[in-house]
């Protein structure tokens, strides 16, 4: 089994990327957030959530939990995009740094693989607040680690 930190060298068939999206969107938290994928490529994922009053700590500004959630989803989904068929992953560690208010129409997160290994994948994401004109403002960055799991029951 080979993992690669280079997205170009780990091209996945479209069905596998579709399966990744289906797996993420089946999670109740993803549905609650209104998460949607914008793009998926091996090693890179872009997704969005709407700014909702229910997730705000003041009108129009998301609370840190929602910011962390989209950052984590994007980073770990990017890590999952380079796994072999039958493998899944889960967050084992993540650090979020908020650098600006999360306010606007939606949050857009761009996740990427930093380094992929057999057991662990280091991943990251940047989260942008998007206003009604489509203008992006960096509001947070996340560095995380995902545990790679052979869900086929094979040797680990």
N, C-alpha and C. Protein backbone atom coordinates (compact mmCIF):
# COMPACT_ATOMS: atom_id res chain seq x y z
N UNK A 1 0.83 -1.16 0.00
CA UNK A 1 0.00 0.00 0.00
C UNK A 1 0.88 1.23 0.00
N UNK A 2 0.54 2.21 -0.81
CA UNK A 2 1.31 3.43 -0.91
C UNK A 2 0.42 4.63 -0.67
N UNK A 3 0.88 5.51 0.17
CA UNK A 3 0.21 6.79 0.37
C UNK A 3 1.15 7.84 -0.17
N UNK A 4 0.60 8.93 -0.62
CA UNK A 4 1.42 9.99 -1.18
C UNK A 4 0.94 11.33 -0.67
N UNK A 5 1.86 12.24 -0.43
CA UNK A 5 1.48 13.59 -0.04
C UNK A 5 1.26 14.46 -1.26
N UNK A 6 1.53 13.93 -2.44
CA UNK A 6 1.35 14.68 -3.67
C UNK A 6 0.02 14.31 -4.31
N UNK A 7 -0.94 15.26 -4.35
CA UNK A 7 -2.24 14.95 -4.91
C UNK A 7 -2.17 14.45 -6.35
N UNK A 8 -1.27 14.96 -7.15
CA UNK A 8 -1.20 14.55 -8.55
C UNK A 8 -0.80 13.10 -8.71
N UNK A 9 -0.03 12.58 -7.77
CA UNK A 9 0.44 11.20 -7.92
C UNK A 9 -0.49 10.18 -7.27
N UNK A 10 -1.62 10.64 -6.74
CA UNK A 10 -2.52 9.71 -6.07
C UNK A 10 -3.93 9.81 -6.65
N UNK A 11 -4.01 9.86 -7.96
CA UNK A 11 -5.30 10.04 -8.63
C UNK A 11 -6.26 8.91 -8.26
N UNK A 12 -7.45 9.31 -7.82
CA UNK A 12 -8.48 8.37 -7.45
C UNK A 12 -9.56 8.36 -8.52
N UNK A 13 -10.15 7.21 -8.74
CA UNK A 13 -11.27 7.19 -9.68
C UNK A 13 -12.44 8.01 -9.12
N UNK A 14 -13.21 8.61 -10.01
CA UNK A 14 -14.35 9.42 -9.60
C UNK A 14 -15.29 8.68 -8.65
N UNK A 15 -15.58 7.38 -8.86
CA UNK A 15 -16.47 6.71 -7.90
C UNK A 15 -15.95 6.77 -6.46
N UNK A 16 -14.65 6.72 -6.28
CA UNK A 16 -14.10 6.78 -4.92
C UNK A 16 -14.29 8.17 -4.33
N UNK A 17 -14.13 9.21 -5.13
CA UNK A 17 -14.35 10.56 -4.64
C UNK A 17 -15.84 10.78 -4.36
N UNK A 18 -16.70 10.20 -5.19
CA UNK A 18 -18.15 10.27 -4.94
C UNK A 18 -18.50 9.56 -3.64
N UNK A 19 -17.87 8.42 -3.39
CA UNK A 19 -18.12 7.66 -2.16
C UNK A 19 -17.68 8.48 -0.94
N UNK A 20 -16.57 9.18 -1.05
CA UNK A 20 -16.10 10.04 0.05
C UNK A 20 -17.14 11.10 0.36
N UNK A 21 -17.64 11.76 -0.67
CA UNK A 21 -18.66 12.78 -0.45
C UNK A 21 -19.91 12.19 0.21
N UNK A 22 -20.36 11.04 -0.29
CA UNK A 22 -21.54 10.39 0.28
C UNK A 22 -21.32 10.04 1.74
N UNK A 23 -20.13 9.54 2.07
CA UNK A 23 -19.82 9.16 3.45
C UNK A 23 -19.88 10.39 4.37
N UNK A 24 -19.27 11.48 3.94
CA UNK A 24 -19.27 12.70 4.76
C UNK A 24 -20.68 13.26 4.90
N UNK A 25 -21.41 13.33 3.79
CA UNK A 25 -22.74 13.94 3.82
C UNK A 25 -23.78 13.07 4.53
N UNK A 26 -23.44 11.80 4.80
CA UNK A 26 -24.33 10.93 5.57
C UNK A 26 -24.24 11.21 7.07
N UNK A 27 -23.23 11.96 7.49
CA UNK A 27 -23.06 12.26 8.91
C UNK A 27 -24.09 13.29 9.36
N UNK A 28 -24.78 13.02 10.46
CA UNK A 28 -25.79 13.96 10.94
C UNK A 28 -25.26 15.39 11.14
N UNK A 29 -24.05 15.51 11.65
CA UNK A 29 -23.49 16.85 11.87
C UNK A 29 -23.32 17.60 10.55
N UNK A 30 -22.86 16.91 9.51
CA UNK A 30 -22.69 17.54 8.20
C UNK A 30 -24.04 18.05 7.68
N UNK A 31 -25.07 17.25 7.85
CA UNK A 31 -26.41 17.65 7.39
C UNK A 31 -26.94 18.82 8.23
N UNK A 32 -26.71 18.77 9.54
CA UNK A 32 -27.16 19.85 10.42
C UNK A 32 -26.51 21.17 10.05
N UNK A 33 -25.23 21.13 9.71
CA UNK A 33 -24.51 22.34 9.32
C UNK A 33 -24.90 22.85 7.94
N UNK A 34 -25.55 22.00 7.13
CA UNK A 34 -25.85 22.38 5.75
C UNK A 34 -24.61 22.31 4.86
N UNK A 35 -23.70 21.42 5.23
CA UNK A 35 -22.43 21.27 4.52
C UNK A 35 -22.66 20.85 3.07
N UNK A 36 -21.92 21.46 2.17
CA UNK A 36 -21.96 21.04 0.77
C UNK A 36 -20.55 21.09 0.19
N UNK A 37 -20.25 20.12 -0.65
CA UNK A 37 -18.96 20.08 -1.33
C UNK A 37 -19.00 21.03 -2.52
N UNK A 38 -17.95 21.80 -2.69
CA UNK A 38 -17.78 22.66 -3.86
C UNK A 38 -16.91 21.94 -4.87
N UNK A 39 -15.83 21.32 -4.40
CA UNK A 39 -14.95 20.55 -5.28
C UNK A 39 -14.20 19.50 -4.47
N UNK A 40 -13.85 18.42 -5.16
CA UNK A 40 -13.08 17.33 -4.54
C UNK A 40 -12.08 16.84 -5.57
N UNK A 41 -10.83 16.81 -5.16
CA UNK A 41 -9.74 16.24 -5.95
C UNK A 41 -8.88 15.44 -4.99
N UNK A 42 -8.10 14.52 -5.49
CA UNK A 42 -7.20 13.81 -4.58
C UNK A 42 -6.29 14.79 -3.82
N UNK A 43 -6.42 14.79 -2.51
CA UNK A 43 -5.58 15.64 -1.67
C UNK A 43 -6.12 17.02 -1.41
N UNK A 44 -7.25 17.38 -2.04
CA UNK A 44 -7.80 18.73 -1.87
C UNK A 44 -9.32 18.69 -1.88
N UNK A 45 -9.92 19.39 -0.95
CA UNK A 45 -11.38 19.46 -0.85
C UNK A 45 -11.77 20.90 -0.56
N UNK A 46 -12.84 21.34 -1.18
CA UNK A 46 -13.42 22.65 -0.86
C UNK A 46 -14.88 22.43 -0.53
N UNK A 47 -15.34 23.03 0.56
CA UNK A 47 -16.74 22.88 0.98
C UNK A 47 -17.23 24.17 1.61
N UNK A 48 -18.56 24.27 1.77
CA UNK A 48 -19.18 25.46 2.33
C UNK A 48 -20.29 25.09 3.32
N UNK A 49 -20.53 26.01 4.24
CA UNK A 49 -21.71 25.96 5.09
C UNK A 49 -22.31 27.37 5.10
N UNK A 50 -23.63 27.46 5.20
CA UNK A 50 -24.24 28.78 5.30
C UNK A 50 -24.05 29.35 6.71
N UNK A 51 -24.03 30.66 6.80
CA UNK A 51 -24.02 31.30 8.11
C UNK A 51 -25.47 31.28 8.58
N UNK A 52 -25.70 30.57 9.68
CA UNK A 52 -27.05 30.43 10.23
C UNK A 52 -27.09 31.02 11.63
N UNK A 53 -28.19 31.68 11.92
CA UNK A 53 -28.36 32.29 13.24
C UNK A 53 -28.24 31.26 14.37
N UNK A 54 -28.69 30.04 14.11
CA UNK A 54 -28.64 28.99 15.14
C UNK A 54 -27.22 28.65 15.59
N UNK A 55 -26.22 28.95 14.75
CA UNK A 55 -24.84 28.64 15.08
C UNK A 55 -24.03 29.89 15.45
N UNK A 56 -24.74 30.99 15.68
CA UNK A 56 -24.08 32.27 15.95
C UNK A 56 -24.03 32.57 17.44
N UNK A 57 -23.03 33.34 17.83
CA UNK A 57 -22.97 33.80 19.22
C UNK A 57 -23.42 35.26 19.30
N UNK A 58 -23.48 35.91 18.15
CA UNK A 58 -24.10 37.24 18.01
C UNK A 58 -24.64 37.29 16.59
N UNK A 59 -25.63 38.11 16.32
CA UNK A 59 -26.25 38.10 14.99
C UNK A 59 -25.22 38.20 13.85
N UNK A 60 -25.29 37.21 12.94
CA UNK A 60 -24.45 37.23 11.75
C UNK A 60 -23.02 36.76 11.92
N UNK A 61 -22.62 36.36 13.12
CA UNK A 61 -21.24 35.93 13.35
C UNK A 61 -21.24 34.55 13.99
N UNK A 62 -20.66 33.59 13.27
CA UNK A 62 -20.67 32.20 13.74
C UNK A 62 -19.80 32.01 14.98
N UNK A 63 -20.27 31.13 15.84
CA UNK A 63 -19.54 30.73 17.03
C UNK A 63 -18.39 29.80 16.59
N UNK A 64 -17.37 29.69 17.37
CA UNK A 64 -16.17 28.93 17.01
C UNK A 64 -16.44 27.46 16.71
N UNK A 65 -17.46 26.87 17.33
CA UNK A 65 -17.75 25.46 17.10
C UNK A 65 -18.06 25.18 15.63
N UNK A 66 -18.87 26.03 15.01
CA UNK A 66 -19.20 25.86 13.59
C UNK A 66 -17.97 26.07 12.71
N UNK A 67 -17.13 27.02 13.08
CA UNK A 67 -15.89 27.27 12.32
C UNK A 67 -14.98 26.05 12.40
N UNK A 68 -14.83 25.51 13.62
CA UNK A 68 -14.02 24.31 13.79
C UNK A 68 -14.59 23.16 12.97
N UNK A 69 -15.90 23.01 12.99
CA UNK A 69 -16.52 21.87 12.30
C UNK A 69 -16.21 21.88 10.81
N UNK A 70 -16.40 23.00 10.13
CA UNK A 70 -16.14 23.01 8.69
C UNK A 70 -14.64 22.86 8.42
N UNK A 71 -13.80 23.43 9.26
CA UNK A 71 -12.35 23.29 9.09
C UNK A 71 -11.94 21.82 9.22
N UNK A 72 -12.49 21.14 10.21
CA UNK A 72 -12.19 19.73 10.45
C UNK A 72 -12.72 18.86 9.30
N UNK A 73 -13.97 19.09 8.91
CA UNK A 73 -14.54 18.33 7.79
C UNK A 73 -13.68 18.47 6.54
N UNK A 74 -13.26 19.68 6.22
CA UNK A 74 -12.48 19.91 4.99
C UNK A 74 -11.11 19.24 5.06
N UNK A 75 -10.42 19.39 6.16
CA UNK A 75 -9.08 18.82 6.29
C UNK A 75 -9.12 17.29 6.26
N UNK A 76 -10.03 16.70 7.04
CA UNK A 76 -10.07 15.24 7.13
C UNK A 76 -10.67 14.62 5.87
N UNK A 77 -11.58 15.32 5.20
CA UNK A 77 -12.07 14.82 3.90
C UNK A 77 -10.94 14.84 2.87
N UNK A 78 -10.11 15.87 2.90
CA UNK A 78 -8.96 15.89 2.00
C UNK A 78 -8.05 14.70 2.28
N UNK A 79 -7.83 14.41 3.56
CA UNK A 79 -7.02 13.25 3.93
C UNK A 79 -7.67 11.96 3.44
N UNK A 80 -8.98 11.87 3.54
CA UNK A 80 -9.70 10.69 3.08
C UNK A 80 -9.66 10.51 1.57
N UNK A 81 -9.44 11.60 0.87
CA UNK A 81 -9.43 11.54 -0.60
C UNK A 81 -8.21 10.84 -1.17
N UNK A 82 -7.21 10.58 -0.35
CA UNK A 82 -6.01 9.89 -0.84
C UNK A 82 -5.89 8.47 -0.28
N UNK A 83 -6.92 8.02 0.42
CA UNK A 83 -6.90 6.67 0.97
C UNK A 83 -7.25 5.63 -0.10
N UNK A 84 -6.76 4.42 0.06
CA UNK A 84 -7.13 3.34 -0.86
C UNK A 84 -8.61 2.96 -0.69
N UNK A 85 -9.20 2.31 -1.68
CA UNK A 85 -10.59 1.87 -1.55
C UNK A 85 -10.77 0.99 -0.31
N UNK A 86 -11.87 1.20 0.39
CA UNK A 86 -12.16 0.40 1.59
C UNK A 86 -11.59 0.97 2.87
N UNK A 87 -10.86 2.06 2.78
CA UNK A 87 -10.30 2.70 3.96
C UNK A 87 -11.11 3.94 4.31
N UNK A 88 -11.17 4.27 5.59
CA UNK A 88 -11.82 5.47 6.09
C UNK A 88 -10.85 6.15 7.06
N UNK A 89 -11.24 7.30 7.57
CA UNK A 89 -10.36 7.97 8.53
C UNK A 89 -11.18 8.71 9.57
N UNK A 90 -10.51 9.14 10.61
CA UNK A 90 -11.14 9.89 11.69
C UNK A 90 -10.13 10.84 12.30
N UNK A 91 -10.62 11.97 12.74
CA UNK A 91 -9.77 12.97 13.38
C UNK A 91 -9.23 12.43 14.70
N UNK A 92 -7.93 12.58 14.92
CA UNK A 92 -7.35 12.24 16.22
C UNK A 92 -6.77 13.47 16.92
N UNK A 93 -6.53 14.53 16.14
CA UNK A 93 -5.98 15.74 16.73
C UNK A 93 -6.22 16.89 15.77
N UNK A 94 -6.55 18.06 16.31
CA UNK A 94 -6.71 19.24 15.47
C UNK A 94 -6.54 20.50 16.32
N UNK A 95 -5.93 21.50 15.70
CA UNK A 95 -5.76 22.79 16.35
C UNK A 95 -6.29 23.86 15.41
N UNK A 96 -7.19 24.69 15.92
CA UNK A 96 -7.79 25.76 15.13
C UNK A 96 -7.29 27.10 15.63
N UNK A 97 -6.90 27.94 14.71
CA UNK A 97 -6.52 29.32 15.04
C UNK A 97 -7.49 30.24 14.32
N UNK A 98 -8.26 30.99 15.08
CA UNK A 98 -9.20 31.95 14.52
C UNK A 98 -8.47 33.28 14.35
N UNK A 99 -8.55 33.84 13.15
CA UNK A 99 -7.82 35.07 12.86
C UNK A 99 -8.72 36.25 12.51
N UNK A 100 -10.01 36.00 12.29
CA UNK A 100 -10.96 37.07 11.98
C UNK A 100 -12.37 36.56 12.25
N UNK A 101 -13.33 37.47 12.40
CA UNK A 101 -14.72 37.04 12.64
C UNK A 101 -15.26 36.21 11.49
N UNK A 102 -16.06 35.21 11.82
CA UNK A 102 -16.69 34.34 10.83
C UNK A 102 -18.08 34.89 10.53
N UNK A 103 -18.13 35.92 9.69
CA UNK A 103 -19.41 36.54 9.36
C UNK A 103 -19.51 36.75 7.86
N UNK A 104 -20.74 36.69 7.38
CA UNK A 104 -21.00 36.84 5.97
C UNK A 104 -22.15 35.96 5.55
N UNK A 105 -22.15 35.55 4.29
CA UNK A 105 -23.20 34.69 3.76
C UNK A 105 -22.92 33.21 4.05
N UNK A 106 -21.65 32.83 3.94
CA UNK A 106 -21.27 31.44 4.17
C UNK A 106 -19.82 31.38 4.59
N UNK A 107 -19.42 30.17 5.04
CA UNK A 107 -18.00 29.89 5.28
C UNK A 107 -17.57 28.92 4.20
N UNK A 108 -16.39 29.14 3.65
CA UNK A 108 -15.80 28.26 2.64
C UNK A 108 -14.48 27.74 3.20
N UNK A 109 -14.33 26.42 3.23
CA UNK A 109 -13.11 25.80 3.75
C UNK A 109 -12.41 25.04 2.64
N UNK A 110 -11.10 25.22 2.57
CA UNK A 110 -10.27 24.50 1.62
C UNK A 110 -9.31 23.60 2.39
N UNK A 111 -9.56 22.29 2.29
CA UNK A 111 -8.72 21.32 2.98
C UNK A 111 -7.66 20.75 2.06
N UNK A 112 -6.56 20.33 2.65
CA UNK A 112 -5.45 19.77 1.86
C UNK A 112 -4.66 18.78 2.70
N UNK A 113 -4.00 17.87 2.00
CA UNK A 113 -3.11 16.92 2.64
C UNK A 113 -1.74 17.57 2.79
N UNK A 114 -1.18 17.48 3.97
CA UNK A 114 0.17 17.97 4.22
C UNK A 114 1.16 16.82 4.04
N UNK A 115 0.85 15.66 4.66
CA UNK A 115 1.70 14.48 4.54
C UNK A 115 0.85 13.24 4.83
N UNK A 116 0.83 12.33 3.89
CA UNK A 116 0.02 11.11 4.05
C UNK A 116 0.91 9.94 4.38
N UNK A 117 0.55 9.21 5.43
CA UNK A 117 1.27 8.01 5.82
C UNK A 117 0.32 6.83 5.92
N UNK A 118 0.84 5.68 6.24
CA UNK A 118 0.01 4.47 6.34
C UNK A 118 -0.97 4.56 7.50
N UNK A 119 -0.52 4.99 8.66
CA UNK A 119 -1.34 5.05 9.85
C UNK A 119 -2.00 6.41 10.05
N UNK A 120 -1.26 7.46 9.82
CA UNK A 120 -1.74 8.83 10.07
C UNK A 120 -1.54 9.72 8.85
N UNK A 121 -2.45 10.66 8.67
CA UNK A 121 -2.32 11.66 7.62
C UNK A 121 -2.42 13.03 8.28
N UNK A 122 -1.41 13.85 8.05
CA UNK A 122 -1.44 15.23 8.53
C UNK A 122 -2.16 16.04 7.45
N UNK A 123 -3.14 16.84 7.90
CA UNK A 123 -3.95 17.60 6.97
C UNK A 123 -4.17 19.00 7.52
N UNK A 124 -4.63 19.89 6.66
CA UNK A 124 -4.84 21.28 7.07
C UNK A 124 -6.02 21.85 6.30
N UNK A 125 -6.53 22.96 6.79
CA UNK A 125 -7.56 23.68 6.05
C UNK A 125 -7.52 25.15 6.41
N UNK A 126 -7.96 25.96 5.47
CA UNK A 126 -8.15 27.39 5.69
C UNK A 126 -9.63 27.65 5.52
N UNK A 127 -10.18 28.48 6.41
CA UNK A 127 -11.61 28.81 6.38
C UNK A 127 -11.75 30.29 6.06
N UNK A 128 -12.63 30.57 5.11
CA UNK A 128 -12.86 31.93 4.66
C UNK A 128 -14.31 32.32 4.90
N UNK A 129 -14.53 33.52 5.43
CA UNK A 129 -15.87 34.09 5.50
C UNK A 129 -16.13 34.73 4.14
N UNK A 130 -17.29 34.42 3.57
CA UNK A 130 -17.63 34.92 2.23
C UNK A 130 -18.81 35.86 2.36
N UNK A 131 -18.65 37.10 1.86
CA UNK A 131 -19.74 38.07 1.95
C UNK A 131 -20.69 37.95 0.76
N UNK A 132 -21.68 38.80 0.73
CA UNK A 132 -22.71 38.73 -0.31
C UNK A 132 -22.18 39.03 -1.71
N UNK A 133 -20.98 39.60 -1.81
CA UNK A 133 -20.36 39.88 -3.11
C UNK A 133 -19.35 38.82 -3.51
N UNK A 134 -19.24 37.77 -2.69
CA UNK A 134 -18.28 36.70 -2.98
C UNK A 134 -16.87 36.98 -2.49
N UNK A 135 -16.68 38.10 -1.80
CA UNK A 135 -15.37 38.47 -1.28
C UNK A 135 -15.01 37.55 -0.11
N UNK A 136 -13.83 36.96 -0.14
CA UNK A 136 -13.37 36.06 0.92
C UNK A 136 -12.45 36.77 1.89
N UNK A 137 -12.63 36.44 3.19
CA UNK A 137 -11.73 36.91 4.24
C UNK A 137 -11.31 35.70 5.05
N UNK A 138 -10.00 35.46 5.13
CA UNK A 138 -9.51 34.35 5.95
C UNK A 138 -9.96 34.57 7.38
N UNK A 139 -10.64 33.57 7.95
CA UNK A 139 -11.08 33.72 9.34
C UNK A 139 -10.48 32.66 10.26
N UNK A 140 -9.97 31.54 9.70
CA UNK A 140 -9.39 30.51 10.57
C UNK A 140 -8.52 29.56 9.76
N UNK A 141 -7.61 28.92 10.46
CA UNK A 141 -6.78 27.88 9.84
C UNK A 141 -6.68 26.72 10.83
N UNK A 142 -6.63 25.52 10.28
CA UNK A 142 -6.60 24.32 11.12
C UNK A 142 -5.47 23.41 10.66
N UNK A 143 -4.79 22.82 11.61
CA UNK A 143 -3.82 21.76 11.35
C UNK A 143 -4.30 20.54 12.10
N UNK A 144 -4.45 19.43 11.39
CA UNK A 144 -5.01 18.24 12.02
C UNK A 144 -4.29 16.97 11.66
N UNK A 145 -4.66 15.91 12.35
CA UNK A 145 -4.13 14.57 12.09
C UNK A 145 -5.32 13.63 12.03
N UNK A 146 -5.33 12.81 10.98
CA UNK A 146 -6.40 11.82 10.80
C UNK A 146 -5.80 10.42 10.90
N UNK A 147 -6.51 9.54 11.59
CA UNK A 147 -6.11 8.12 11.69
C UNK A 147 -6.73 7.39 10.51
N UNK A 148 -5.92 6.68 9.77
CA UNK A 148 -6.36 5.90 8.61
C UNK A 148 -6.75 4.50 9.08
N UNK A 149 -7.95 4.06 8.68
CA UNK A 149 -8.52 2.80 9.19
C UNK A 149 -8.92 1.91 8.02
N UNK A 150 -8.44 0.68 8.02
CA UNK A 150 -8.83 -0.29 7.01
C UNK A 150 -10.21 -0.82 7.38
N UNK A 151 -11.23 -0.34 6.72
CA UNK A 151 -12.59 -0.74 7.03
C UNK A 151 -12.98 -2.07 6.39
N UNK A 152 -12.09 -2.64 5.59
CA UNK A 152 -12.38 -3.92 4.94
C UNK A 152 -12.10 -5.09 5.88
N UNK A 153 -11.47 -4.81 7.02
CA UNK A 153 -11.15 -5.86 7.98
C UNK A 153 -9.83 -6.54 7.67
N UNK A 154 -9.06 -6.00 6.74
CA UNK A 154 -7.75 -6.56 6.39
C UNK A 154 -6.72 -6.33 7.48
N UNK A 155 -5.54 -6.82 7.26
CA UNK A 155 -4.44 -6.67 8.22
C UNK A 155 -4.11 -5.20 8.38
N UNK A 156 -3.74 -4.84 9.60
CA UNK A 156 -3.40 -3.43 9.86
C UNK A 156 -1.96 -3.27 10.13
